[in-house]
Amino acid sequence: MAPRLSGDRKQFLSQGFLLGRRTEHQAALEPPGALGDLGAHVIDLARYLVGEISSVSASMRTFMDGREVDDAFEAVVDFESRALGTIEATRFAAGRKNAFSWEINGTKGSLAFDLERLNELHHSDGTKGFRTILVSEADHPFWEWWWPHGHMIGWEHSFVHEIHHLLTAIAGDGDVAPHGATFEDGYRAAEVCDAIVRSSESGRREDVLFRGA
């Protein structure tokens, strides 16, 4: 059997609204709710790692009285590759600080990652069980700009990587894609968000529709 992806699970869990910590910036941006604020990141990453999403079956909920946007959503998604995935996000996950996590399963093994443990990647070679890879070796992407192996980097360093990638593309007249998001990627993630809203409202599976496709 040829190697292929079979499953994908991604989630973005935060406790932000349970703490009542909302900045003026966050208030000015509402709506969106959990889908537009957190879910869009999950969808964009799912497209990058697994491929285009073709249809969704979703449910959205609002827990806080008086709010007009969603506080949580769950979605089962079909990928064009025929992989099956789940995507979820909420800002009411007590104890979760910034749990943007994902796991991808294939016929040859699995990969898993959690943003709260930024420097670790979990890999299973076939059915041997997961091992933790510390992504701080000199031959790992971007690490040539930082410290000796075993010395961790943080959230701010990831933005340095983004800027480096963008400036390198500009200087070399290259393309930001596929490792950097484009306006097209943003548009396609928005269409998946819209399909999730439609599915929650209709109670049916909804196809993801791209204009001009």
N, C-alpha and C. Protein backbone atom coordinates (compact mmCIF):
# COMPACT_ATOMS: atom_id res chain seq x y z
N MET A 1 0.84 -1.19 0.00
CA MET A 1 0.00 0.00 0.00
C MET A 1 0.88 1.24 0.00
N ALA A 2 0.58 2.18 -0.88
CA ALA A 2 1.36 3.41 -0.96
C ALA A 2 1.15 4.25 0.29
N PRO A 3 2.19 4.93 0.77
CA PRO A 3 2.03 5.78 1.96
C PRO A 3 1.01 6.87 1.72
N ARG A 4 0.14 7.10 2.68
CA ARG A 4 -0.84 8.18 2.57
C ARG A 4 -1.28 8.62 3.95
N LEU A 5 -1.87 9.82 4.01
CA LEU A 5 -2.42 10.34 5.26
C LEU A 5 -3.82 9.79 5.46
N SER A 6 -4.12 9.42 6.70
CA SER A 6 -5.44 8.89 7.01
C SER A 6 -6.22 9.75 7.98
N GLY A 7 -5.53 10.43 8.88
CA GLY A 7 -6.24 11.20 9.89
C GLY A 7 -5.51 12.45 10.30
N ASP A 8 -6.28 13.44 10.76
CA ASP A 8 -5.71 14.72 11.17
C ASP A 8 -6.58 15.28 12.28
N ARG A 9 -5.94 15.69 13.39
CA ARG A 9 -6.66 16.31 14.49
C ARG A 9 -5.95 17.58 14.89
N LYS A 10 -6.69 18.67 14.93
CA LYS A 10 -6.09 19.96 15.29
C LYS A 10 -7.03 20.70 16.23
N GLN A 11 -6.44 21.41 17.19
CA GLN A 11 -7.24 22.16 18.14
C GLN A 11 -6.48 23.38 18.62
N PHE A 12 -7.26 24.40 19.00
CA PHE A 12 -6.69 25.62 19.58
C PHE A 12 -7.54 25.92 20.81
N LEU A 13 -6.99 25.59 21.99
CA LEU A 13 -7.74 25.71 23.24
C LEU A 13 -7.13 26.80 24.10
N SER A 14 -7.98 27.69 24.59
CA SER A 14 -7.52 28.80 25.42
C SER A 14 -8.52 29.02 26.54
N GLN A 15 -8.05 29.58 27.66
CA GLN A 15 -8.92 29.90 28.79
C GLN A 15 -9.18 31.40 28.89
N GLY A 16 -8.83 32.14 27.83
CA GLY A 16 -8.82 33.60 27.90
C GLY A 16 -10.09 34.23 28.42
N PHE A 17 -11.25 33.79 27.96
CA PHE A 17 -12.48 34.45 28.36
C PHE A 17 -12.92 34.04 29.76
N LEU A 18 -12.44 32.90 30.25
CA LEU A 18 -12.73 32.53 31.64
C LEU A 18 -12.02 33.45 32.60
N LEU A 19 -10.88 34.01 32.18
CA LEU A 19 -10.12 34.92 33.02
C LEU A 19 -10.62 36.35 32.93
N GLY A 20 -11.47 36.60 31.95
CA GLY A 20 -11.99 37.95 31.77
C GLY A 20 -10.96 38.92 31.26
N ARG A 21 -9.91 38.42 30.62
CA ARG A 21 -8.83 39.28 30.14
C ARG A 21 -9.09 39.65 28.68
N ARG A 22 -9.67 40.80 28.49
CA ARG A 22 -9.92 41.28 27.14
C ARG A 22 -9.33 42.67 27.02
N THR A 23 -8.45 42.83 26.06
CA THR A 23 -7.86 44.14 25.84
C THR A 23 -8.80 44.99 24.98
N GLU A 24 -8.54 46.29 24.93
CA GLU A 24 -9.32 47.15 24.05
C GLU A 24 -9.19 46.71 22.60
N HIS A 25 -8.00 46.22 22.24
CA HIS A 25 -7.78 45.74 20.89
C HIS A 25 -8.70 44.56 20.58
N GLN A 26 -8.80 43.59 21.52
CA GLN A 26 -9.67 42.44 21.31
C GLN A 26 -11.13 42.86 21.21
N ALA A 27 -11.54 43.77 22.05
CA ALA A 27 -12.93 44.22 22.01
C ALA A 27 -13.27 44.89 20.68
N ALA A 28 -12.33 45.66 20.17
CA ALA A 28 -12.57 46.37 18.91
C ALA A 28 -12.67 45.41 17.73
N LEU A 29 -12.07 44.23 17.86
CA LEU A 29 -12.07 43.28 16.77
C LEU A 29 -13.30 42.38 16.74
N GLU A 30 -14.12 42.38 17.79
CA GLU A 30 -15.26 41.48 17.82
C GLU A 30 -16.43 42.01 17.01
N PRO A 31 -17.19 41.15 16.25
CA PRO A 31 -16.77 39.78 15.97
C PRO A 31 -15.49 39.70 15.17
N PRO A 32 -14.81 38.60 15.10
CA PRO A 32 -15.28 37.22 15.16
C PRO A 32 -15.24 36.61 16.54
N GLY A 33 -15.72 35.36 16.62
CA GLY A 33 -15.65 34.60 17.85
C GLY A 33 -14.49 33.63 17.79
N ALA A 34 -14.68 32.48 18.43
CA ALA A 34 -13.61 31.49 18.48
C ALA A 34 -13.23 31.00 17.09
N LEU A 35 -14.19 30.90 16.19
CA LEU A 35 -13.89 30.44 14.84
C LEU A 35 -12.98 31.41 14.10
N GLY A 36 -13.33 32.67 14.08
CA GLY A 36 -12.54 33.65 13.34
C GLY A 36 -11.24 34.01 14.04
N ASP A 37 -11.24 33.97 15.38
CA ASP A 37 -10.07 34.37 16.15
C ASP A 37 -9.03 33.26 16.23
N LEU A 38 -9.48 32.06 16.62
CA LEU A 38 -8.58 30.92 16.81
C LEU A 38 -8.68 29.91 15.67
N GLY A 39 -9.90 29.62 15.25
CA GLY A 39 -10.11 28.57 14.26
C GLY A 39 -9.46 28.84 12.92
N ALA A 40 -9.40 30.11 12.54
CA ALA A 40 -8.78 30.44 11.25
C ALA A 40 -7.32 30.02 11.21
N HIS A 41 -6.62 30.13 12.35
CA HIS A 41 -5.23 29.68 12.42
C HIS A 41 -5.14 28.16 12.23
N VAL A 42 -6.07 27.45 12.88
CA VAL A 42 -6.07 25.99 12.79
C VAL A 42 -6.34 25.54 11.35
N ILE A 43 -7.31 26.20 10.72
CA ILE A 43 -7.67 25.85 9.35
C ILE A 43 -6.50 26.12 8.40
N ASP A 44 -5.85 27.26 8.56
CA ASP A 44 -4.71 27.59 7.71
C ASP A 44 -3.61 26.55 7.85
N LEU A 45 -3.32 26.13 9.08
CA LEU A 45 -2.28 25.12 9.30
C LEU A 45 -2.70 23.77 8.74
N ALA A 46 -3.98 23.41 8.88
CA ALA A 46 -4.47 22.14 8.34
C ALA A 46 -4.28 22.10 6.83
N ARG A 47 -4.57 23.20 6.15
CA ARG A 47 -4.39 23.26 4.70
C ARG A 47 -2.91 23.12 4.34
N TYR A 48 -2.05 23.74 5.11
CA TYR A 48 -0.61 23.70 4.83
C TYR A 48 -0.05 22.29 5.04
N LEU A 49 -0.44 21.61 6.12
CA LEU A 49 0.13 20.32 6.46
C LEU A 49 -0.53 19.15 5.75
N VAL A 50 -1.84 19.22 5.51
CA VAL A 50 -2.58 18.06 5.00
C VAL A 50 -3.12 18.30 3.59
N GLY A 51 -3.54 19.52 3.29
CA GLY A 51 -4.09 19.79 1.96
C GLY A 51 -5.44 20.48 2.03
N GLU A 52 -6.03 20.66 0.87
CA GLU A 52 -7.29 21.41 0.77
C GLU A 52 -8.44 20.67 1.44
N ILE A 53 -9.30 21.44 2.11
CA ILE A 53 -10.50 20.89 2.75
C ILE A 53 -11.66 21.00 1.78
N SER A 54 -12.39 19.90 1.59
CA SER A 54 -13.46 19.87 0.60
C SER A 54 -14.85 20.02 1.19
N SER A 55 -15.07 19.55 2.42
CA SER A 55 -16.39 19.67 3.05
C SER A 55 -16.24 19.61 4.56
N VAL A 56 -17.28 20.12 5.26
CA VAL A 56 -17.23 20.19 6.72
C VAL A 56 -18.60 19.83 7.30
N SER A 57 -18.58 19.29 8.50
CA SER A 57 -19.79 19.09 9.29
C SER A 57 -19.49 19.65 10.67
N ALA A 58 -20.20 20.72 11.07
CA ALA A 58 -19.75 21.48 12.22
C ALA A 58 -20.89 21.88 13.15
N SER A 59 -20.50 22.22 14.37
CA SER A 59 -21.43 22.76 15.37
C SER A 59 -20.73 23.87 16.12
N MET A 60 -21.46 24.97 16.37
CA MET A 60 -20.92 26.13 17.08
C MET A 60 -21.78 26.43 18.29
N ARG A 61 -21.16 26.96 19.36
CA ARG A 61 -21.89 27.27 20.59
C ARG A 61 -21.44 28.61 21.15
N THR A 62 -22.38 29.29 21.80
CA THR A 62 -22.09 30.50 22.57
C THR A 62 -22.46 30.23 24.02
N PHE A 63 -21.52 30.40 24.94
CA PHE A 63 -21.74 30.09 26.34
C PHE A 63 -22.03 31.34 27.18
N MET A 64 -21.52 32.47 26.77
CA MET A 64 -21.64 33.69 27.56
C MET A 64 -22.89 34.47 27.15
N ASP A 65 -23.76 34.74 28.09
CA ASP A 65 -24.99 35.47 27.82
C ASP A 65 -24.69 36.85 27.26
N GLY A 66 -25.46 37.23 26.27
CA GLY A 66 -25.33 38.56 25.69
C GLY A 66 -24.33 38.66 24.56
N ARG A 67 -23.59 37.59 24.31
CA ARG A 67 -22.62 37.62 23.21
C ARG A 67 -23.28 37.16 21.92
N GLU A 68 -22.89 37.77 20.81
CA GLU A 68 -23.49 37.45 19.51
C GLU A 68 -22.55 36.62 18.64
N VAL A 69 -21.40 36.23 19.18
CA VAL A 69 -20.45 35.42 18.42
C VAL A 69 -20.21 34.11 19.15
N ASP A 70 -19.61 33.16 18.44
CA ASP A 70 -19.40 31.84 19.00
C ASP A 70 -18.26 31.84 20.02
N ASP A 71 -18.41 30.99 21.04
CA ASP A 71 -17.36 30.78 22.03
C ASP A 71 -16.59 29.49 21.78
N ALA A 72 -17.15 28.59 20.97
CA ALA A 72 -16.50 27.31 20.68
C ALA A 72 -17.11 26.72 19.42
N PHE A 73 -16.31 25.91 18.74
CA PHE A 73 -16.85 25.15 17.60
C PHE A 73 -16.09 23.83 17.47
N GLU A 74 -16.76 22.87 16.86
CA GLU A 74 -16.18 21.57 16.53
C GLU A 74 -16.54 21.28 15.08
N ALA A 75 -15.59 20.72 14.31
CA ALA A 75 -15.87 20.41 12.92
C ALA A 75 -15.17 19.12 12.51
N VAL A 76 -15.90 18.27 11.80
CA VAL A 76 -15.33 17.13 11.12
C VAL A 76 -15.11 17.55 9.67
N VAL A 77 -13.89 17.39 9.18
CA VAL A 77 -13.56 17.89 7.84
C VAL A 77 -13.07 16.76 6.95
N ASP A 78 -13.48 16.83 5.68
CA ASP A 78 -12.95 15.94 4.65
C ASP A 78 -11.91 16.71 3.84
N PHE A 79 -10.77 16.09 3.62
CA PHE A 79 -9.73 16.67 2.77
C PHE A 79 -9.84 16.09 1.37
N GLU A 80 -9.36 16.85 0.40
CA GLU A 80 -9.38 16.37 -0.98
C GLU A 80 -8.55 15.10 -1.14
N SER A 81 -7.57 14.90 -0.26
CA SER A 81 -6.74 13.70 -0.30
C SER A 81 -7.46 12.47 0.24
N ARG A 82 -8.70 12.66 0.74
CA ARG A 82 -9.52 11.63 1.35
C ARG A 82 -9.14 11.37 2.80
N ALA A 83 -8.22 12.13 3.35
CA ALA A 83 -7.97 12.06 4.79
C ALA A 83 -9.16 12.67 5.53
N LEU A 84 -9.40 12.19 6.74
CA LEU A 84 -10.49 12.67 7.58
C LEU A 84 -9.89 13.39 8.77
N GLY A 85 -10.44 14.55 9.14
CA GLY A 85 -9.87 15.32 10.22
C GLY A 85 -10.91 15.93 11.14
N THR A 86 -10.46 16.37 12.30
CA THR A 86 -11.30 17.14 13.21
C THR A 86 -10.58 18.44 13.54
N ILE A 87 -11.34 19.51 13.63
CA ILE A 87 -10.82 20.83 13.96
C ILE A 87 -11.71 21.42 15.04
N GLU A 88 -11.10 21.99 16.08
CA GLU A 88 -11.89 22.60 17.14
C GLU A 88 -11.14 23.79 17.72
N ALA A 89 -11.91 24.69 18.32
CA ALA A 89 -11.32 25.83 19.02
C ALA A 89 -12.30 26.35 20.05
N THR A 90 -11.78 26.82 21.16
CA THR A 90 -12.61 27.43 22.19
C THR A 90 -11.74 28.38 23.02
N ARG A 91 -12.39 29.38 23.61
CA ARG A 91 -11.71 30.27 24.55
C ARG A 91 -12.22 30.03 25.97
N PHE A 92 -12.84 28.85 26.19
CA PHE A 92 -13.38 28.49 27.49
C PHE A 92 -12.78 27.17 27.99
N ALA A 93 -11.53 26.89 27.67
CA ALA A 93 -10.87 25.65 28.09
C ALA A 93 -10.02 25.94 29.33
N ALA A 94 -10.61 25.74 30.50
CA ALA A 94 -9.91 26.04 31.76
C ALA A 94 -8.61 25.26 31.85
N GLY A 95 -7.53 25.97 32.14
CA GLY A 95 -6.22 25.35 32.28
C GLY A 95 -5.38 25.37 31.02
N ARG A 96 -6.00 25.62 29.88
CA ARG A 96 -5.26 25.69 28.63
C ARG A 96 -4.86 27.14 28.36
N LYS A 97 -3.56 27.38 28.30
CA LYS A 97 -3.06 28.76 28.11
C LYS A 97 -3.08 29.16 26.64
N ASN A 98 -2.47 28.31 25.80
CA ASN A 98 -2.39 28.61 24.37
C ASN A 98 -2.14 27.30 23.63
N ALA A 99 -3.04 26.35 23.82
CA ALA A 99 -2.85 24.98 23.35
C ALA A 99 -3.25 24.83 21.89
N PHE A 100 -2.38 25.33 21.01
CA PHE A 100 -2.56 25.15 19.57
C PHE A 100 -1.82 23.86 19.23
N SER A 101 -2.55 22.76 19.12
CA SER A 101 -1.91 21.46 18.96
C SER A 101 -2.49 20.71 17.77
N TRP A 102 -1.68 19.80 17.25
CA TRP A 102 -2.15 19.00 16.13
C TRP A 102 -1.48 17.63 16.14
N GLU A 103 -2.15 16.68 15.51
CA GLU A 103 -1.60 15.34 15.31
C GLU A 103 -2.03 14.86 13.94
N ILE A 104 -1.08 14.33 13.19
CA ILE A 104 -1.34 13.79 11.86
C ILE A 104 -0.95 12.33 11.84
N ASN A 105 -1.85 11.48 11.38
CA ASN A 105 -1.62 10.04 11.31
C ASN A 105 -1.57 9.59 9.86
N GLY A 106 -0.60 8.75 9.54
CA GLY A 106 -0.47 8.19 8.20
C GLY A 106 -0.16 6.71 8.27
N THR A 107 -0.06 6.09 7.12
CA THR A 107 0.19 4.66 7.08
C THR A 107 1.60 4.31 7.52
N LYS A 108 2.52 5.28 7.54
CA LYS A 108 3.91 5.04 7.93
C LYS A 108 4.25 5.56 9.32
N GLY A 109 3.31 6.25 9.98
CA GLY A 109 3.60 6.79 11.30
C GLY A 109 2.77 8.01 11.61
N SER A 110 3.14 8.75 12.65
CA SER A 110 2.38 9.90 13.11
C SER A 110 3.32 11.01 13.57
N LEU A 111 2.80 12.25 13.51
CA LEU A 111 3.48 13.43 14.03
C LEU A 111 2.53 14.18 14.93
N ALA A 112 3.04 14.78 16.02
CA ALA A 112 2.21 15.57 16.91
C ALA A 112 3.00 16.75 17.45
N PHE A 113 2.28 17.85 17.72
CA PHE A 113 2.92 19.09 18.17
C PHE A 113 1.96 19.85 19.06
N ASP A 114 2.51 20.56 20.06
CA ASP A 114 1.72 21.42 20.93
C ASP A 114 2.48 22.74 21.10
N LEU A 115 1.84 23.85 20.76
CA LEU A 115 2.50 25.15 20.81
C LEU A 115 2.97 25.52 22.21
N GLU A 116 2.32 24.98 23.25
CA GLU A 116 2.76 25.24 24.61
C GLU A 116 4.11 24.59 24.92
N ARG A 117 4.54 23.67 24.04
CA ARG A 117 5.88 23.05 24.14
C ARG A 117 6.56 23.27 22.79
N LEU A 118 6.90 24.53 22.56
CA LEU A 118 7.28 25.03 21.25
C LEU A 118 8.48 24.33 20.63
N ASN A 119 9.39 23.84 21.44
CA ASN A 119 10.65 23.28 20.93
C ASN A 119 10.62 21.76 20.79
N GLU A 120 9.43 21.16 20.88
CA GLU A 120 9.34 19.71 20.83
C GLU A 120 8.41 19.25 19.70
N LEU A 121 8.82 18.18 19.03
CA LEU A 121 7.99 17.51 18.03
C LEU A 121 7.93 16.04 18.40
N HIS A 122 6.75 15.45 18.34
CA HIS A 122 6.56 14.05 18.71
C HIS A 122 6.34 13.22 17.45
N HIS A 123 7.10 12.15 17.33
CA HIS A 123 7.08 11.34 16.11
C HIS A 123 6.97 9.87 16.47
N SER A 124 6.11 9.16 15.74
CA SER A 124 6.02 7.71 15.86
C SER A 124 6.36 7.10 14.51
N ASP A 125 7.40 6.28 14.48
CA ASP A 125 7.77 5.55 13.27
C ASP A 125 6.94 4.28 13.21
N GLY A 126 5.90 4.29 12.39
CA GLY A 126 4.99 3.16 12.36
C GLY A 126 4.26 3.03 13.68
N THR A 127 4.25 1.81 14.22
CA THR A 127 3.54 1.54 15.48
C THR A 127 4.49 1.43 16.67
N LYS A 128 5.68 1.99 16.56
CA LYS A 128 6.69 1.84 17.61
C LYS A 128 6.42 2.71 18.83
N GLY A 129 5.49 3.65 18.73
CA GLY A 129 5.23 4.56 19.84
C GLY A 129 5.95 5.88 19.63
N PHE A 130 5.48 6.91 20.32
CA PHE A 130 5.99 8.25 20.10
C PHE A 130 7.32 8.48 20.83
N ARG A 131 8.21 9.23 20.20
CA ARG A 131 9.42 9.73 20.82
C ARG A 131 9.44 11.24 20.66
N THR A 132 10.05 11.92 21.59
CA THR A 132 10.11 13.38 21.57
C THR A 132 11.41 13.84 20.91
N ILE A 133 11.27 14.68 19.90
CA ILE A 133 12.42 15.24 19.20
C ILE A 133 12.59 16.68 19.66
N LEU A 134 13.74 17.01 20.18
CA LEU A 134 14.05 18.38 20.57
C LEU A 134 14.58 19.10 19.32
N VAL A 135 13.81 20.05 18.82
CA VAL A 135 14.14 20.66 17.52
C VAL A 135 15.12 21.82 17.72
N SER A 136 16.33 21.47 18.14
CA SER A 136 17.33 22.50 18.41
C SER A 136 18.69 22.13 17.83
N GLU A 137 18.71 21.23 16.85
CA GLU A 137 19.97 20.84 16.23
C GLU A 137 20.37 21.83 15.15
N ALA A 138 21.65 21.91 14.87
CA ALA A 138 22.17 22.90 13.92
C ALA A 138 21.61 22.70 12.52
N ASP A 139 21.22 21.46 12.17
CA ASP A 139 20.69 21.22 10.83
C ASP A 139 19.18 21.36 10.76
N HIS A 140 18.54 21.75 11.84
CA HIS A 140 17.10 22.00 11.81
C HIS A 140 16.84 23.38 11.21
N PRO A 141 15.68 23.55 10.55
CA PRO A 141 15.40 24.84 9.88
C PRO A 141 15.53 26.03 10.82
N PHE A 142 16.18 27.08 10.33
CA PHE A 142 16.37 28.37 11.01
C PHE A 142 17.36 28.32 12.17
N TRP A 143 17.78 27.13 12.61
CA TRP A 143 18.55 27.08 13.85
C TRP A 143 19.97 27.63 13.69
N GLU A 144 20.42 27.78 12.45
CA GLU A 144 21.77 28.31 12.27
C GLU A 144 21.90 29.74 12.77
N TRP A 145 20.75 30.43 12.99
CA TRP A 145 20.79 31.82 13.45
C TRP A 145 20.77 31.94 14.97
N TRP A 146 20.64 30.80 15.67
CA TRP A 146 20.44 30.89 17.11
C TRP A 146 21.55 30.23 17.90
N TRP A 147 21.17 29.60 19.01
CA TRP A 147 22.13 29.16 20.03
C TRP A 147 22.60 27.73 19.78
N PRO A 148 23.57 27.25 20.58
CA PRO A 148 23.97 25.84 20.47
C PRO A 148 22.78 24.92 20.78
N HIS A 149 22.86 23.68 20.30
CA HIS A 149 21.73 22.75 20.48
C HIS A 149 21.42 22.58 21.96
N GLY A 150 20.12 22.42 22.22
CA GLY A 150 19.66 22.30 23.60
C GLY A 150 19.28 23.62 24.24
N HIS A 151 19.61 24.74 23.59
CA HIS A 151 19.23 26.05 24.09
C HIS A 151 17.94 26.48 23.41
N MET A 152 16.88 26.69 24.18
CA MET A 152 15.56 26.86 23.63
C MET A 152 15.35 28.27 23.05
N ILE A 153 14.45 28.34 22.08
CA ILE A 153 13.97 29.62 21.58
C ILE A 153 12.51 29.78 21.99
N GLY A 154 11.97 31.00 21.81
CA GLY A 154 10.63 31.28 22.27
C GLY A 154 9.72 31.84 21.19
N TRP A 155 8.58 32.34 21.65
CA TRP A 155 7.54 32.84 20.74
C TRP A 155 8.07 33.96 19.86
N GLU A 156 8.85 34.87 20.44
CA GLU A 156 9.32 36.02 19.68
C GLU A 156 10.25 35.61 18.54
N HIS A 157 10.99 34.52 18.72
CA HIS A 157 11.91 34.08 17.68
C HIS A 157 11.16 33.61 16.43
N SER A 158 9.96 33.07 16.61
CA SER A 158 9.19 32.60 15.45
C SER A 158 8.82 33.76 14.53
N PHE A 159 8.63 34.95 15.10
CA PHE A 159 8.34 36.12 14.27
C PHE A 159 9.59 36.58 13.52
N VAL A 160 10.75 36.41 14.13
CA VAL A 160 12.00 36.70 13.43
C VAL A 160 12.13 35.77 12.22
N HIS A 161 11.74 34.51 12.38
CA HIS A 161 11.77 33.56 11.27
C HIS A 161 10.84 34.01 10.15
N GLU A 162 9.66 34.47 10.50
CA GLU A 162 8.70 34.93 9.49
C GLU A 162 9.26 36.10 8.69
N ILE A 163 9.85 37.06 9.41
CA ILE A 163 10.41 38.24 8.75
C ILE A 163 11.58 37.83 7.86
N HIS A 164 12.42 36.94 8.36
CA HIS A 164 13.56 36.46 7.56
C HIS A 164 13.07 35.79 6.29
N HIS A 165 12.04 34.95 6.40
CA HIS A 165 11.49 34.26 5.23
C HIS A 165 10.94 35.26 4.22
N LEU A 166 10.21 36.26 4.69
CA LEU A 166 9.63 37.26 3.80
C LEU A 166 10.71 38.08 3.10
N LEU A 167 11.68 38.57 3.86
CA LEU A 167 12.74 39.39 3.27
C LEU A 167 13.59 38.59 2.29
N THR A 168 13.82 37.32 2.60
CA THR A 168 14.58 36.47 1.67
C THR A 168 13.83 36.30 0.36
N ALA A 169 12.50 36.13 0.44
CA ALA A 169 11.69 36.01 -0.78
C ALA A 169 11.74 37.29 -1.60
N ILE A 170 11.69 38.43 -0.92
CA ILE A 170 11.74 39.72 -1.62
C ILE A 170 13.10 39.93 -2.27
N ALA A 171 14.16 39.70 -1.49
CA ALA A 171 15.52 39.94 -2.00
C ALA A 171 15.86 39.02 -3.16
N GLY A 172 15.38 37.79 -3.10
CA GLY A 172 15.69 36.82 -4.14
C GLY A 172 14.64 36.71 -5.22
N ASP A 173 13.65 37.64 -5.18
CA ASP A 173 12.54 37.62 -6.15
C ASP A 173 11.88 36.24 -6.16
N GLY A 174 11.70 35.70 -4.95
CA GLY A 174 11.10 34.38 -4.82
C GLY A 174 9.64 34.47 -4.39
N ASP A 175 9.10 33.33 -4.04
CA ASP A 175 7.69 33.24 -3.65
C ASP A 175 7.61 32.98 -2.15
N VAL A 176 6.72 33.68 -1.48
CA VAL A 176 6.50 33.44 -0.06
C VAL A 176 5.90 32.05 0.17
N ALA A 177 5.02 31.63 -0.72
CA ALA A 177 4.41 30.30 -0.62
C ALA A 177 5.46 29.23 -0.97
N PRO A 178 5.29 27.99 -0.49
CA PRO A 178 4.17 27.54 0.33
C PRO A 178 4.40 27.69 1.84
N HIS A 179 5.63 28.01 2.26
CA HIS A 179 5.91 28.03 3.70
C HIS A 179 5.41 29.29 4.39
N GLY A 180 5.11 30.31 3.63
CA GLY A 180 4.47 31.51 4.15
C GLY A 180 3.09 31.66 3.55
N ALA A 181 2.16 32.19 4.33
CA ALA A 181 0.78 32.33 3.85
C ALA A 181 0.66 33.49 2.86
N THR A 182 -0.19 33.31 1.87
CA THR A 182 -0.46 34.33 0.86
C THR A 182 -1.89 34.87 1.06
N PHE A 183 -2.25 35.89 0.29
CA PHE A 183 -3.62 36.39 0.33
C PHE A 183 -4.60 35.29 -0.10
N GLU A 184 -4.19 34.46 -1.05
CA GLU A 184 -5.03 33.35 -1.48
C GLU A 184 -5.26 32.37 -0.34
N ASP A 185 -4.23 32.10 0.45
CA ASP A 185 -4.40 31.22 1.61
C ASP A 185 -5.40 31.81 2.60
N GLY A 186 -5.29 33.12 2.83
CA GLY A 186 -6.24 33.78 3.74
C GLY A 186 -7.67 33.67 3.24
N TYR A 187 -7.84 33.87 1.93
CA TYR A 187 -9.18 33.77 1.35
C TYR A 187 -9.74 32.35 1.50
N ARG A 188 -8.91 31.35 1.21
CA ARG A 188 -9.40 29.97 1.27
C ARG A 188 -9.71 29.55 2.71
N ALA A 189 -8.93 30.01 3.66
CA ALA A 189 -9.25 29.73 5.06
C ALA A 189 -10.58 30.36 5.45
N ALA A 190 -10.84 31.57 4.94
CA ALA A 190 -12.11 32.25 5.22
C ALA A 190 -13.30 31.48 4.64
N GLU A 191 -13.12 30.89 3.46
CA GLU A 191 -14.21 30.10 2.87
C GLU A 191 -14.50 28.86 3.69
N VAL A 192 -13.46 28.26 4.27
CA VAL A 192 -13.69 27.10 5.15
C VAL A 192 -14.45 27.55 6.39
N CYS A 193 -14.08 28.71 6.94
CA CYS A 193 -14.81 29.27 8.09
C CYS A 193 -16.28 29.48 7.74
N ASP A 194 -16.55 30.03 6.57
CA ASP A 194 -17.93 30.26 6.14
C ASP A 194 -18.70 28.94 6.02
N ALA A 195 -18.03 27.90 5.51
CA ALA A 195 -18.69 26.60 5.40
C ALA A 195 -19.01 26.02 6.77
N ILE A 196 -18.14 26.26 7.75
CA ILE A 196 -18.41 25.80 9.13
C ILE A 196 -19.63 26.51 9.69
N VAL A 197 -19.75 27.82 9.45
CA VAL A 197 -20.93 28.56 9.90
C VAL A 197 -22.19 28.01 9.24
N ARG A 198 -22.15 27.79 7.92
CA ARG A 198 -23.31 27.27 7.20
C ARG A 198 -23.72 25.91 7.73
N SER A 199 -22.73 25.05 8.00
CA SER A 199 -23.03 23.71 8.49
C SER A 199 -23.67 23.76 9.87
N SER A 200 -23.17 24.63 10.74
CA SER A 200 -23.75 24.75 12.07
C SER A 200 -25.19 25.24 12.00
N GLU A 201 -25.46 26.15 11.09
CA GLU A 201 -26.81 26.70 10.95
C GLU A 201 -27.77 25.71 10.30
N SER A 202 -27.29 24.94 9.32
CA SER A 202 -28.17 24.03 8.57
C SER A 202 -28.29 22.66 9.21
N GLY A 203 -27.30 22.28 10.02
CA GLY A 203 -27.29 20.94 10.57
C GLY A 203 -26.89 19.88 9.57
N ARG A 204 -26.31 20.30 8.43
CA ARG A 204 -25.91 19.38 7.38
C ARG A 204 -24.43 19.56 7.04
N ARG A 205 -23.89 18.55 6.38
CA ARG A 205 -22.53 18.70 5.84
C ARG A 205 -22.57 19.70 4.70
N GLU A 206 -21.57 20.58 4.70
CA GLU A 206 -21.52 21.63 3.67
C GLU A 206 -20.21 21.54 2.90
N ASP A 207 -20.31 21.69 1.58
CA ASP A 207 -19.11 21.75 0.75
C ASP A 207 -18.43 23.09 0.92
N VAL A 208 -17.10 23.10 0.79
CA VAL A 208 -16.34 24.34 0.78
C VAL A 208 -16.32 24.86 -0.65
N LEU A 209 -16.81 26.08 -0.86
CA LEU A 209 -16.97 26.63 -2.19
C LEU A 209 -15.98 27.76 -2.40
N PHE A 210 -15.19 27.67 -3.46
CA PHE A 210 -14.24 28.70 -3.81
C PHE A 210 -14.71 29.41 -5.07
N ARG A 211 -14.73 30.72 -5.02
CA ARG A 211 -15.19 31.50 -6.17
C ARG A 211 -14.23 31.34 -7.34
N GLY A 212 -14.82 31.13 -8.50
CA GLY A 212 -14.03 30.99 -9.70
C GLY A 212 -13.43 29.61 -9.88
N ALA A 213 -13.67 28.71 -8.91
CA ALA A 213 -13.09 27.36 -9.00
C ALA A 213 -13.93 26.49 -9.93
